[in-house]
Amino acid sequence: MEIKDAKFLISQSDPSKCPKPDKPEYAFIGRSNVGKSSLINMLTRKKGLAKTSATPGKTQLINHFIVDNAWYLVDLPGYGYAKASKRSRESWEKMIRNYILNRKNLLTLFILIDCRLEPQAIDLSFVNWAGGRQIPIALVFTKSDKLSRQQLVYSVELFKKELRKNWEELPLMFITSAEKHSGRADILDYIQQVNSEFLPPKKSGG
């Protein structure tokens, strides 16, 4: 798949006010500062599409982008940002949960993992939460250019080992680097394949 056009559509705090669920949708989420905006910009080849920031916790709304007028890409707030107030964190978490559990056209939730870190409890907890609710997920290991090949393999294997404590079959995984543009083709080919199988949700009462 080659993306020709991607543009910002809408920011929402209320999942029920998101665009009509008539197109395939893919959401991206991860801990604050995991490189989510950089990954989205790399995938779409639009440098300023998702706003990158040195300040973690910048994304606080559900941000919808439309790609080639054919599918939605969604930038979700990062989880686990410690400097946000408890009330803000609870509000974001409720919004994220509502969106993930109720969005009928969400075909894959991409959960981003910083491959430089040993498995983080908050990432494992979120992956297990989503898996336990039958949410279709894929893991995206970011910043792979910061590690040697050997370190990268070790880091991913360590994460898999932790997951196997709860998972019989591991979720789909991608290795990426926004700097080197690696993993881009793999993710876009996957999206293209899933798009081809998409059937719009039936209207209630129809």
N, C-alpha and C. Protein backbone atom coordinates (compact mmCIF):
# COMPACT_ATOMS: atom_id res chain seq x y z
N MET A 1 0.85 -1.20 0.00
CA MET A 1 0.00 0.00 0.00
C MET A 1 0.88 1.25 0.00
N GLU A 2 0.52 2.20 -0.84
CA GLU A 2 1.22 3.49 -0.81
C GLU A 2 0.20 4.58 -0.50
N ILE A 3 0.44 5.33 0.55
CA ILE A 3 -0.50 6.39 0.96
C ILE A 3 -0.29 7.63 0.09
N LYS A 4 -1.37 8.11 -0.49
CA LYS A 4 -1.29 9.31 -1.32
C LYS A 4 -1.72 10.55 -0.56
N ASP A 5 -2.66 10.37 0.38
CA ASP A 5 -3.18 11.55 1.09
C ASP A 5 -3.59 11.16 2.51
N ALA A 6 -3.25 12.01 3.45
CA ALA A 6 -3.66 11.80 4.85
C ALA A 6 -3.89 13.17 5.46
N LYS A 7 -5.03 13.33 6.10
CA LYS A 7 -5.28 14.64 6.72
C LYS A 7 -6.05 14.49 8.02
N PHE A 8 -5.85 15.48 8.88
CA PHE A 8 -6.54 15.52 10.17
C PHE A 8 -8.02 15.74 9.93
N LEU A 9 -8.84 15.04 10.72
CA LEU A 9 -10.29 15.15 10.55
C LEU A 9 -10.94 15.82 11.75
N ILE A 10 -10.77 15.23 12.94
CA ILE A 10 -11.46 15.75 14.13
C ILE A 10 -10.80 15.25 15.41
N SER A 11 -10.88 16.08 16.47
CA SER A 11 -10.47 15.66 17.81
C SER A 11 -11.72 15.60 18.67
N GLN A 12 -11.84 14.53 19.46
CA GLN A 12 -13.04 14.35 20.28
C GLN A 12 -12.69 13.81 21.65
N SER A 13 -13.46 14.23 22.65
CA SER A 13 -13.32 13.62 23.98
C SER A 13 -14.46 12.62 24.20
N ASP A 14 -15.47 12.69 23.35
CA ASP A 14 -16.64 11.81 23.48
C ASP A 14 -16.62 10.79 22.33
N PRO A 15 -16.35 9.51 22.63
CA PRO A 15 -16.27 8.50 21.56
C PRO A 15 -17.52 8.41 20.70
N SER A 16 -18.68 8.75 21.28
CA SER A 16 -19.93 8.65 20.50
C SER A 16 -20.02 9.73 19.41
N LYS A 17 -19.15 10.74 19.50
CA LYS A 17 -19.16 11.83 18.51
C LYS A 17 -18.06 11.68 17.46
N CYS A 18 -17.39 10.52 17.47
CA CYS A 18 -16.37 10.25 16.45
C CYS A 18 -17.05 10.09 15.09
N PRO A 19 -16.27 10.12 13.99
CA PRO A 19 -16.89 9.95 12.66
C PRO A 19 -17.70 8.66 12.57
N LYS A 20 -18.65 8.64 11.64
CA LYS A 20 -19.47 7.43 11.43
C LYS A 20 -18.56 6.21 11.23
N PRO A 21 -18.92 5.07 11.81
CA PRO A 21 -18.06 3.88 11.71
C PRO A 21 -18.23 3.15 10.37
N ASP A 22 -18.13 3.92 9.28
CA ASP A 22 -18.40 3.34 7.96
C ASP A 22 -17.13 2.99 7.18
N LYS A 23 -15.97 3.23 7.80
CA LYS A 23 -14.70 2.90 7.14
C LYS A 23 -13.83 2.11 8.11
N PRO A 24 -12.89 1.32 7.59
CA PRO A 24 -11.97 0.60 8.48
C PRO A 24 -11.20 1.60 9.35
N GLU A 25 -10.93 1.20 10.58
CA GLU A 25 -10.27 2.11 11.52
C GLU A 25 -9.16 1.39 12.28
N TYR A 26 -8.04 2.10 12.45
CA TYR A 26 -6.88 1.56 13.16
C TYR A 26 -6.42 2.61 14.16
N ALA A 27 -6.30 2.20 15.42
CA ALA A 27 -5.91 3.15 16.46
C ALA A 27 -4.52 2.82 16.99
N PHE A 28 -3.81 3.87 17.39
CA PHE A 28 -2.45 3.72 17.91
C PHE A 28 -2.40 4.26 19.34
N ILE A 29 -1.84 3.46 20.22
CA ILE A 29 -1.78 3.84 21.64
C ILE A 29 -0.48 3.32 22.24
N GLY A 30 -0.04 3.95 23.31
CA GLY A 30 1.16 3.48 24.00
C GLY A 30 1.46 4.40 25.17
N ARG A 31 2.47 4.04 25.93
CA ARG A 31 2.88 4.90 27.03
C ARG A 31 3.32 6.25 26.48
N SER A 32 3.21 7.28 27.30
CA SER A 32 3.68 8.60 26.90
C SER A 32 5.14 8.52 26.47
N ASN A 33 5.45 9.22 25.39
CA ASN A 33 6.82 9.33 24.88
C ASN A 33 7.34 8.05 24.22
N VAL A 34 6.44 7.18 23.78
CA VAL A 34 6.87 5.92 23.15
C VAL A 34 7.21 6.13 21.67
N GLY A 35 6.86 7.32 21.14
CA GLY A 35 7.15 7.61 19.74
C GLY A 35 5.95 7.44 18.83
N LYS A 36 4.76 7.65 19.40
CA LYS A 36 3.51 7.41 18.66
C LYS A 36 3.34 8.40 17.50
N SER A 37 3.50 9.68 17.79
CA SER A 37 3.32 10.69 16.74
C SER A 37 4.36 10.50 15.63
N SER A 38 5.59 10.20 16.01
CA SER A 38 6.65 9.98 15.01
C SER A 38 6.31 8.80 14.12
N LEU A 39 5.76 7.75 14.70
CA LEU A 39 5.38 6.56 13.93
C LEU A 39 4.26 6.89 12.95
N ILE A 40 3.24 7.61 13.42
CA ILE A 40 2.11 7.98 12.55
C ILE A 40 2.60 8.85 11.38
N ASN A 41 3.48 9.81 11.68
CA ASN A 41 4.03 10.67 10.63
C ASN A 41 4.87 9.86 9.63
N MET A 42 5.59 8.87 10.15
CA MET A 42 6.41 8.02 9.28
C MET A 42 5.52 7.16 8.37
N LEU A 43 4.45 6.59 8.94
CA LEU A 43 3.56 5.74 8.14
C LEU A 43 2.90 6.53 7.01
N THR A 44 2.48 7.75 7.32
CA THR A 44 1.76 8.56 6.32
C THR A 44 2.69 9.40 5.46
N ARG A 45 3.96 9.45 5.85
CA ARG A 45 4.97 10.30 5.20
C ARG A 45 4.54 11.76 5.21
N LYS A 46 3.90 12.16 6.31
CA LYS A 46 3.53 13.57 6.50
C LYS A 46 4.13 14.03 7.82
N LYS A 47 5.17 14.82 7.73
CA LYS A 47 5.98 15.12 8.90
C LYS A 47 5.19 15.73 10.06
N GLY A 48 4.29 16.65 9.78
CA GLY A 48 3.59 17.33 10.88
C GLY A 48 2.17 16.87 11.11
N LEU A 49 1.81 15.70 10.56
CA LEU A 49 0.41 15.25 10.67
C LEU A 49 0.00 15.06 12.12
N ALA A 50 0.70 14.19 12.83
CA ALA A 50 0.47 14.04 14.27
C ALA A 50 1.50 14.91 14.96
N LYS A 51 1.07 15.68 15.92
CA LYS A 51 1.97 16.64 16.58
C LYS A 51 2.91 15.93 17.55
N THR A 52 4.21 16.00 17.25
CA THR A 52 5.20 15.44 18.17
C THR A 52 5.55 16.51 19.19
N SER A 53 5.91 16.09 20.37
CA SER A 53 6.21 17.04 21.44
C SER A 53 7.24 16.46 22.38
N ALA A 54 8.06 17.35 22.93
CA ALA A 54 9.03 16.91 23.94
C ALA A 54 8.32 16.68 25.27
N THR A 55 7.10 17.19 25.37
CA THR A 55 6.33 17.03 26.61
C THR A 55 5.44 15.81 26.52
N PRO A 56 5.69 14.79 27.35
CA PRO A 56 4.81 13.61 27.32
C PRO A 56 3.39 13.99 27.71
N GLY A 57 2.44 13.21 27.25
CA GLY A 57 1.05 13.46 27.63
C GLY A 57 0.38 14.56 26.84
N LYS A 58 0.97 14.90 25.68
CA LYS A 58 0.43 16.00 24.88
C LYS A 58 -0.92 15.64 24.26
N THR A 59 -1.04 14.43 23.74
CA THR A 59 -2.32 14.00 23.15
C THR A 59 -3.32 13.73 24.28
N GLN A 60 -4.42 14.46 24.28
CA GLN A 60 -5.40 14.29 25.35
C GLN A 60 -6.80 13.99 24.81
N LEU A 61 -6.90 13.89 23.48
CA LEU A 61 -8.19 13.63 22.85
C LEU A 61 -8.06 12.47 21.87
N ILE A 62 -9.18 12.00 21.37
CA ILE A 62 -9.19 10.98 20.32
C ILE A 62 -9.05 11.74 19.00
N ASN A 63 -7.93 11.58 18.32
CA ASN A 63 -7.65 12.31 17.09
C ASN A 63 -7.83 11.41 15.87
N HIS A 64 -8.77 11.77 15.03
CA HIS A 64 -9.04 11.00 13.81
C HIS A 64 -8.36 11.64 12.60
N PHE A 65 -7.72 10.80 11.80
CA PHE A 65 -7.16 11.21 10.52
C PHE A 65 -7.79 10.34 9.44
N ILE A 66 -8.01 10.92 8.26
CA ILE A 66 -8.56 10.14 7.15
C ILE A 66 -7.44 9.89 6.14
N VAL A 67 -7.28 8.64 5.73
CA VAL A 67 -6.20 8.27 4.83
C VAL A 67 -6.78 7.83 3.48
N ASP A 68 -6.37 8.54 2.44
CA ASP A 68 -6.83 8.24 1.06
C ASP A 68 -8.35 8.11 0.97
N ASN A 69 -9.03 8.82 1.84
CA ASN A 69 -10.50 8.81 1.88
C ASN A 69 -11.06 7.39 2.00
N ALA A 70 -10.23 6.46 2.52
CA ALA A 70 -10.62 5.05 2.54
C ALA A 70 -10.63 4.44 3.93
N TRP A 71 -9.77 4.97 4.83
CA TRP A 71 -9.72 4.39 6.18
C TRP A 71 -9.29 5.45 7.19
N TYR A 72 -9.63 5.17 8.46
CA TYR A 72 -9.30 6.11 9.54
C TYR A 72 -8.08 5.62 10.31
N LEU A 73 -7.23 6.57 10.62
CA LEU A 73 -6.11 6.33 11.53
C LEU A 73 -6.39 7.18 12.77
N VAL A 74 -6.27 6.57 13.95
CA VAL A 74 -6.63 7.26 15.19
C VAL A 74 -5.45 7.32 16.14
N ASP A 75 -5.18 8.53 16.61
CA ASP A 75 -4.11 8.77 17.59
C ASP A 75 -4.79 8.92 18.95
N LEU A 76 -4.54 7.95 19.83
CA LEU A 76 -5.16 7.97 21.16
C LEU A 76 -4.20 8.54 22.20
N PRO A 77 -4.73 9.10 23.30
CA PRO A 77 -3.85 9.60 24.36
C PRO A 77 -2.96 8.49 24.92
N GLY A 78 -1.75 8.85 25.28
CA GLY A 78 -0.84 7.88 25.90
C GLY A 78 -1.34 7.52 27.29
N TYR A 79 -1.02 6.32 27.73
CA TYR A 79 -1.43 5.92 29.08
C TYR A 79 -0.23 5.99 30.02
N GLY A 80 -0.53 6.12 31.31
CA GLY A 80 0.52 6.06 32.32
C GLY A 80 1.36 7.31 32.46
N TYR A 81 0.83 8.47 32.07
CA TYR A 81 1.62 9.70 32.23
C TYR A 81 1.51 10.20 33.66
N ALA A 82 2.57 10.04 34.42
CA ALA A 82 2.52 10.26 35.87
C ALA A 82 2.29 11.72 36.27
N LYS A 83 2.73 12.67 35.43
CA LYS A 83 2.64 14.07 35.85
C LYS A 83 1.25 14.67 35.67
N ALA A 84 0.37 13.97 34.96
CA ALA A 84 -1.00 14.45 34.83
C ALA A 84 -1.71 14.25 36.17
N SER A 85 -2.69 15.08 36.42
CA SER A 85 -3.44 14.93 37.67
C SER A 85 -4.22 13.63 37.65
N LYS A 86 -4.54 13.13 38.84
CA LYS A 86 -5.29 11.86 38.94
C LYS A 86 -6.63 11.98 38.21
N ARG A 87 -7.27 13.11 38.38
CA ARG A 87 -8.57 13.30 37.73
C ARG A 87 -8.43 13.28 36.20
N SER A 88 -7.37 13.93 35.68
CA SER A 88 -7.14 13.93 34.23
C SER A 88 -6.89 12.52 33.73
N ARG A 89 -6.04 11.78 34.46
CA ARG A 89 -5.71 10.41 34.06
C ARG A 89 -6.96 9.54 34.03
N GLU A 90 -7.79 9.66 35.07
CA GLU A 90 -9.01 8.85 35.14
C GLU A 90 -9.96 9.20 34.00
N SER A 91 -10.02 10.48 33.66
CA SER A 91 -10.89 10.94 32.58
C SER A 91 -10.40 10.38 31.23
N TRP A 92 -9.08 10.46 30.98
CA TRP A 92 -8.52 9.92 29.73
C TRP A 92 -8.78 8.42 29.65
N GLU A 93 -8.51 7.73 30.76
CA GLU A 93 -8.62 6.27 30.77
C GLU A 93 -10.06 5.83 30.48
N LYS A 94 -11.01 6.54 31.06
CA LYS A 94 -12.43 6.22 30.81
C LYS A 94 -12.76 6.44 29.34
N MET A 95 -12.29 7.57 28.79
CA MET A 95 -12.53 7.90 27.38
C MET A 95 -11.91 6.83 26.47
N ILE A 96 -10.67 6.44 26.77
CA ILE A 96 -9.97 5.43 25.95
C ILE A 96 -10.70 4.09 26.02
N ARG A 97 -11.08 3.69 27.23
CA ARG A 97 -11.80 2.41 27.41
C ARG A 97 -13.10 2.41 26.61
N ASN A 98 -13.87 3.49 26.75
CA ASN A 98 -15.15 3.58 26.04
C ASN A 98 -14.95 3.48 24.53
N TYR A 99 -13.92 4.18 24.03
CA TYR A 99 -13.64 4.15 22.60
C TYR A 99 -13.28 2.73 22.16
N ILE A 100 -12.31 2.13 22.84
CA ILE A 100 -11.80 0.81 22.43
C ILE A 100 -12.89 -0.26 22.50
N LEU A 101 -13.70 -0.24 23.55
CA LEU A 101 -14.69 -1.29 23.75
C LEU A 101 -15.93 -1.13 22.87
N ASN A 102 -16.21 0.09 22.41
CA ASN A 102 -17.48 0.34 21.72
C ASN A 102 -17.36 0.74 20.25
N ARG A 103 -16.14 0.96 19.77
CA ARG A 103 -15.98 1.40 18.38
C ARG A 103 -16.11 0.21 17.43
N LYS A 104 -17.22 0.16 16.72
CA LYS A 104 -17.56 -1.03 15.93
C LYS A 104 -16.61 -1.28 14.76
N ASN A 105 -16.03 -0.23 14.20
CA ASN A 105 -15.19 -0.39 13.01
C ASN A 105 -13.69 -0.41 13.34
N LEU A 106 -13.35 -0.51 14.63
CA LEU A 106 -11.94 -0.59 15.03
C LEU A 106 -11.43 -1.99 14.69
N LEU A 107 -10.59 -2.09 13.68
CA LEU A 107 -10.14 -3.40 13.20
C LEU A 107 -8.85 -3.85 13.89
N THR A 108 -8.01 -2.91 14.28
CA THR A 108 -6.79 -3.26 15.03
C THR A 108 -6.39 -2.11 15.93
N LEU A 109 -6.07 -2.45 17.17
CA LEU A 109 -5.48 -1.49 18.10
C LEU A 109 -3.98 -1.78 18.13
N PHE A 110 -3.20 -0.85 17.60
CA PHE A 110 -1.74 -1.00 17.61
C PHE A 110 -1.22 -0.46 18.94
N ILE A 111 -0.61 -1.34 19.72
CA ILE A 111 -0.05 -0.94 21.02
C ILE A 111 1.46 -0.80 20.88
N LEU A 112 1.96 0.41 21.12
CA LEU A 112 3.37 0.69 20.91
C LEU A 112 4.19 0.39 22.17
N ILE A 113 5.33 -0.25 21.96
CA ILE A 113 6.23 -0.64 23.04
C ILE A 113 7.63 -0.12 22.73
N ASP A 114 8.24 0.59 23.66
CA ASP A 114 9.62 1.08 23.49
C ASP A 114 10.57 -0.09 23.67
N CYS A 115 11.22 -0.52 22.59
CA CYS A 115 12.03 -1.74 22.64
C CYS A 115 13.31 -1.56 23.48
N ARG A 116 13.65 -0.31 23.84
CA ARG A 116 14.87 -0.09 24.62
C ARG A 116 14.69 -0.45 26.09
N LEU A 117 13.44 -0.57 26.52
CA LEU A 117 13.15 -0.80 27.93
C LEU A 117 12.84 -2.26 28.19
N GLU A 118 13.17 -2.73 29.38
CA GLU A 118 12.73 -4.07 29.76
C GLU A 118 11.21 -4.03 29.90
N PRO A 119 10.53 -5.18 29.83
CA PRO A 119 9.06 -5.18 29.87
C PRO A 119 8.51 -4.36 31.04
N GLN A 120 7.65 -3.39 30.70
CA GLN A 120 7.06 -2.50 31.70
C GLN A 120 5.70 -3.05 32.14
N ALA A 121 5.48 -3.01 33.45
CA ALA A 121 4.22 -3.55 34.00
C ALA A 121 3.01 -2.90 33.37
N ILE A 122 3.10 -1.59 33.12
CA ILE A 122 1.94 -0.87 32.59
C ILE A 122 1.62 -1.31 31.16
N ASP A 123 2.66 -1.61 30.37
CA ASP A 123 2.43 -2.11 29.00
C ASP A 123 1.83 -3.51 29.04
N LEU A 124 2.41 -4.37 29.85
CA LEU A 124 1.91 -5.75 29.96
C LEU A 124 0.46 -5.76 30.44
N SER A 125 0.18 -4.90 31.40
CA SER A 125 -1.17 -4.81 31.95
C SER A 125 -2.17 -4.37 30.87
N PHE A 126 -1.78 -3.38 30.07
CA PHE A 126 -2.68 -2.88 29.03
C PHE A 126 -2.89 -3.93 27.94
N VAL A 127 -1.81 -4.59 27.52
CA VAL A 127 -1.92 -5.63 26.49
C VAL A 127 -2.83 -6.76 26.99
N ASN A 128 -2.65 -7.15 28.24
CA ASN A 128 -3.48 -8.22 28.80
C ASN A 128 -4.94 -7.79 28.94
N TRP A 129 -5.16 -6.53 29.30
CA TRP A 129 -6.53 -6.00 29.41
C TRP A 129 -7.23 -6.08 28.04
N ALA A 130 -6.55 -5.59 27.00
CA ALA A 130 -7.14 -5.58 25.65
C ALA A 130 -7.38 -7.01 25.16
N GLY A 131 -6.39 -7.87 25.38
CA GLY A 131 -6.53 -9.26 24.95
C GLY A 131 -7.66 -9.97 25.66
N GLY A 132 -7.82 -9.68 26.96
CA GLY A 132 -8.88 -10.30 27.75
C GLY A 132 -10.27 -9.89 27.31
N ARG A 133 -10.34 -8.77 26.59
CA ARG A 133 -11.64 -8.29 26.09
C ARG A 133 -11.79 -8.54 24.59
N GLN A 134 -10.96 -9.41 24.07
CA GLN A 134 -11.04 -9.83 22.66
C GLN A 134 -10.88 -8.66 21.68
N ILE A 135 -10.13 -7.64 22.09
CA ILE A 135 -9.85 -6.54 21.17
C ILE A 135 -8.76 -7.00 20.20
N PRO A 136 -8.93 -6.82 18.90
CA PRO A 136 -7.88 -7.22 17.96
C PRO A 136 -6.68 -6.28 18.11
N ILE A 137 -5.55 -6.81 18.53
CA ILE A 137 -4.39 -5.95 18.77
C ILE A 137 -3.17 -6.41 17.97
N ALA A 138 -2.25 -5.48 17.81
CA ALA A 138 -0.92 -5.79 17.27
C ALA A 138 0.07 -4.96 18.09
N LEU A 139 1.22 -5.55 18.37
CA LEU A 139 2.25 -4.82 19.11
C LEU A 139 3.25 -4.22 18.13
N VAL A 140 3.62 -2.96 18.40
CA VAL A 140 4.59 -2.28 17.55
C VAL A 140 5.77 -1.87 18.43
N PHE A 141 6.90 -2.52 18.23
CA PHE A 141 8.11 -2.16 18.98
C PHE A 141 8.76 -0.97 18.28
N THR A 142 8.88 0.14 18.99
CA THR A 142 9.41 1.38 18.40
C THR A 142 10.89 1.57 18.75
N LYS A 143 11.52 2.51 18.01
CA LYS A 143 12.90 2.94 18.28
C LYS A 143 13.92 1.82 18.13
N SER A 144 13.66 0.92 17.18
CA SER A 144 14.55 -0.23 16.99
C SER A 144 15.95 0.18 16.54
N ASP A 145 16.06 1.38 15.96
CA ASP A 145 17.38 1.84 15.50
C ASP A 145 18.32 2.18 16.67
N LYS A 146 17.76 2.28 17.87
CA LYS A 146 18.58 2.63 19.04
C LYS A 146 19.29 1.42 19.64
N LEU A 147 18.96 0.21 19.14
CA LEU A 147 19.57 -1.01 19.68
C LEU A 147 20.32 -1.75 18.60
N SER A 148 21.30 -2.56 19.02
CA SER A 148 21.96 -3.46 18.07
C SER A 148 20.98 -4.57 17.73
N ARG A 149 21.26 -5.31 16.68
CA ARG A 149 20.39 -6.42 16.27
C ARG A 149 20.22 -7.41 17.42
N GLN A 150 21.31 -7.72 18.09
CA GLN A 150 21.28 -8.69 19.19
C GLN A 150 20.44 -8.17 20.36
N GLN A 151 20.63 -6.90 20.70
CA GLN A 151 19.86 -6.30 21.81
C GLN A 151 18.37 -6.28 21.48
N LEU A 152 18.05 -6.00 20.21
CA LEU A 152 16.66 -5.93 19.78
C LEU A 152 15.98 -7.29 19.92
N VAL A 153 16.64 -8.33 19.43
CA VAL A 153 16.10 -9.69 19.52
C VAL A 153 15.87 -10.07 20.99
N TYR A 154 16.85 -9.74 21.82
CA TYR A 154 16.76 -10.05 23.26
C TYR A 154 15.57 -9.32 23.89
N SER A 155 15.42 -8.03 23.56
CA SER A 155 14.35 -7.22 24.14
C SER A 155 12.97 -7.75 23.76
N VAL A 156 12.79 -8.08 22.47
CA VAL A 156 11.50 -8.59 22.00
C VAL A 156 11.20 -9.96 22.63
N GLU A 157 12.22 -10.81 22.71
CA GLU A 157 12.04 -12.13 23.30
C GLU A 157 11.65 -12.03 24.78
N LEU A 158 12.23 -11.05 25.47
CA LEU A 158 11.91 -10.83 26.89
C LEU A 158 10.44 -10.46 27.05
N PHE A 159 9.95 -9.61 26.14
CA PHE A 159 8.55 -9.20 26.19
C PHE A 159 7.64 -10.38 25.89
N LYS A 160 8.02 -11.18 24.90
CA LYS A 160 7.23 -12.37 24.56
C LYS A 160 7.15 -13.34 25.75
N LYS A 161 8.28 -13.47 26.42
CA LYS A 161 8.34 -14.38 27.58
C LYS A 161 7.33 -13.96 28.65
N GLU A 162 7.24 -12.66 28.90
CA GLU A 162 6.28 -12.14 29.89
C GLU A 162 4.84 -12.38 29.42
N LEU A 163 4.60 -12.16 28.12
CA LEU A 163 3.25 -12.33 27.58
C LEU A 163 2.78 -13.78 27.67
N ARG A 164 3.71 -14.70 27.47
CA ARG A 164 3.34 -16.12 27.46
C ARG A 164 2.76 -16.59 28.80
N LYS A 165 2.97 -15.80 29.84
CA LYS A 165 2.38 -16.14 31.14
C LYS A 165 0.86 -16.06 31.09
N ASN A 166 0.33 -15.26 30.14
CA ASN A 166 -1.11 -15.08 30.01
C ASN A 166 -1.68 -15.43 28.64
N TRP A 167 -0.81 -15.54 27.64
CA TRP A 167 -1.27 -15.75 26.27
C TRP A 167 -0.84 -17.12 25.77
N GLU A 168 -1.78 -17.85 25.18
CA GLU A 168 -1.44 -19.11 24.52
C GLU A 168 -0.86 -18.82 23.13
N GLU A 169 -1.51 -17.90 22.44
CA GLU A 169 -1.02 -17.50 21.11
C GLU A 169 -0.71 -16.00 21.17
N LEU A 170 0.52 -15.65 20.85
CA LEU A 170 0.94 -14.25 20.97
C LEU A 170 0.32 -13.39 19.88
N PRO A 171 0.09 -12.09 20.20
CA PRO A 171 -0.46 -11.19 19.17
C PRO A 171 0.57 -10.93 18.06
N LEU A 172 0.08 -10.39 16.98
CA LEU A 172 0.92 -9.98 15.87
C LEU A 172 1.91 -8.91 16.34
N MET A 173 3.14 -8.93 15.82
CA MET A 173 4.15 -7.97 16.26
C MET A 173 4.87 -7.35 15.06
N PHE A 174 5.19 -6.07 15.20
CA PHE A 174 5.96 -5.34 14.18
C PHE A 174 7.15 -4.66 14.86
N ILE A 175 8.27 -4.61 14.15
CA ILE A 175 9.46 -3.91 14.64
C ILE A 175 9.63 -2.65 13.79
N THR A 176 9.71 -1.49 14.43
CA THR A 176 9.75 -0.24 13.65
C THR A 176 10.82 0.72 14.13
N SER A 177 11.16 1.62 13.21
CA SER A 177 11.99 2.78 13.54
C SER A 177 11.49 3.94 12.71
N ALA A 178 11.01 4.98 13.38
CA ALA A 178 10.53 6.17 12.66
C ALA A 178 11.71 6.85 11.95
N GLU A 179 12.88 6.77 12.57
CA GLU A 179 14.10 7.38 11.99
C GLU A 179 14.47 6.71 10.68
N LYS A 180 14.47 5.39 10.68
CA LYS A 180 14.95 4.63 9.51
C LYS A 180 13.80 4.20 8.59
N HIS A 181 12.57 4.52 8.99
CA HIS A 181 11.37 4.13 8.22
C HIS A 181 11.20 2.61 8.13
N SER A 182 11.82 1.88 9.04
CA SER A 182 11.69 0.42 9.00
C SER A 182 10.37 0.00 9.64
N GLY A 183 9.79 -1.07 9.09
CA GLY A 183 8.50 -1.57 9.56
C GLY A 183 7.32 -0.94 8.87
N ARG A 184 7.56 0.13 8.11
CA ARG A 184 6.47 0.86 7.46
C ARG A 184 5.70 -0.03 6.48
N ALA A 185 6.43 -0.68 5.58
CA ALA A 185 5.78 -1.52 4.57
C ALA A 185 5.01 -2.67 5.22
N ASP A 186 5.57 -3.25 6.26
CA ASP A 186 4.91 -4.38 6.94
C ASP A 186 3.56 -3.96 7.52
N ILE A 187 3.53 -2.81 8.21
CA ILE A 187 2.28 -2.34 8.82
C ILE A 187 1.26 -1.97 7.75
N LEU A 188 1.71 -1.24 6.71
CA LEU A 188 0.77 -0.82 5.67
C LEU A 188 0.25 -2.00 4.85
N ASP A 189 1.08 -3.00 4.61
CA ASP A 189 0.61 -4.21 3.91
C ASP A 189 -0.45 -4.93 4.75
N TYR A 190 -0.21 -4.97 6.06
CA TYR A 190 -1.19 -5.59 6.96
C TYR A 190 -2.52 -4.83 6.91
N ILE A 191 -2.45 -3.51 6.98
CA ILE A 191 -3.67 -2.68 6.94
C ILE A 191 -4.41 -2.89 5.63
N GLN A 192 -3.67 -2.93 4.53
CA GLN A 192 -4.29 -3.15 3.22
C GLN A 192 -5.03 -4.49 3.17
N GLN A 193 -4.42 -5.51 3.74
CA GLN A 193 -5.04 -6.83 3.75
C GLN A 193 -6.33 -6.82 4.58
N VAL A 194 -6.28 -6.21 5.77
CA VAL A 194 -7.46 -6.16 6.64
C VAL A 194 -8.55 -5.30 6.01
N ASN A 195 -8.15 -4.19 5.37
CA ASN A 195 -9.13 -3.32 4.70
C ASN A 195 -9.94 -4.09 3.68
N SER A 196 -9.28 -5.00 2.97
CA SER A 196 -9.95 -5.73 1.88
C SER A 196 -11.05 -6.64 2.40
N GLU A 197 -11.01 -6.94 3.72
CA GLU A 197 -12.00 -7.84 4.30
C GLU A 197 -13.07 -7.09 5.10
N PHE A 198 -13.00 -5.75 5.08
CA PHE A 198 -13.89 -4.95 5.93
C PHE A 198 -15.32 -4.91 5.41
N LEU A 199 -16.26 -5.14 6.30
CA LEU A 199 -17.68 -4.94 6.02
C LEU A 199 -18.21 -3.88 6.98
N PRO A 200 -18.79 -2.80 6.49
CA PRO A 200 -19.30 -1.77 7.39
C PRO A 200 -20.30 -2.35 8.38
N PRO A 201 -20.26 -1.90 9.63
CA PRO A 201 -21.21 -2.40 10.64
C PRO A 201 -22.64 -2.14 10.18
N LYS A 202 -23.54 -3.08 10.47
CA LYS A 202 -24.95 -2.89 10.11
C LYS A 202 -25.53 -1.81 11.00
N LYS A 203 -26.41 -1.00 10.41
CA LYS A 203 -27.08 0.04 11.19
C LYS A 203 -28.04 -0.61 12.15
N SER A 204 -28.08 -0.09 13.36
CA SER A 204 -29.00 -0.66 14.35
C SER A 204 -30.43 -0.48 13.87
N GLY A 205 -31.19 -1.54 14.02
CA GLY A 205 -32.59 -1.49 13.58
C GLY A 205 -32.76 -1.76 12.11
N GLY A 206 -31.59 -1.94 11.37
CA GLY A 206 -31.71 -2.15 9.93
C GLY A 206 -31.73 -3.62 9.58
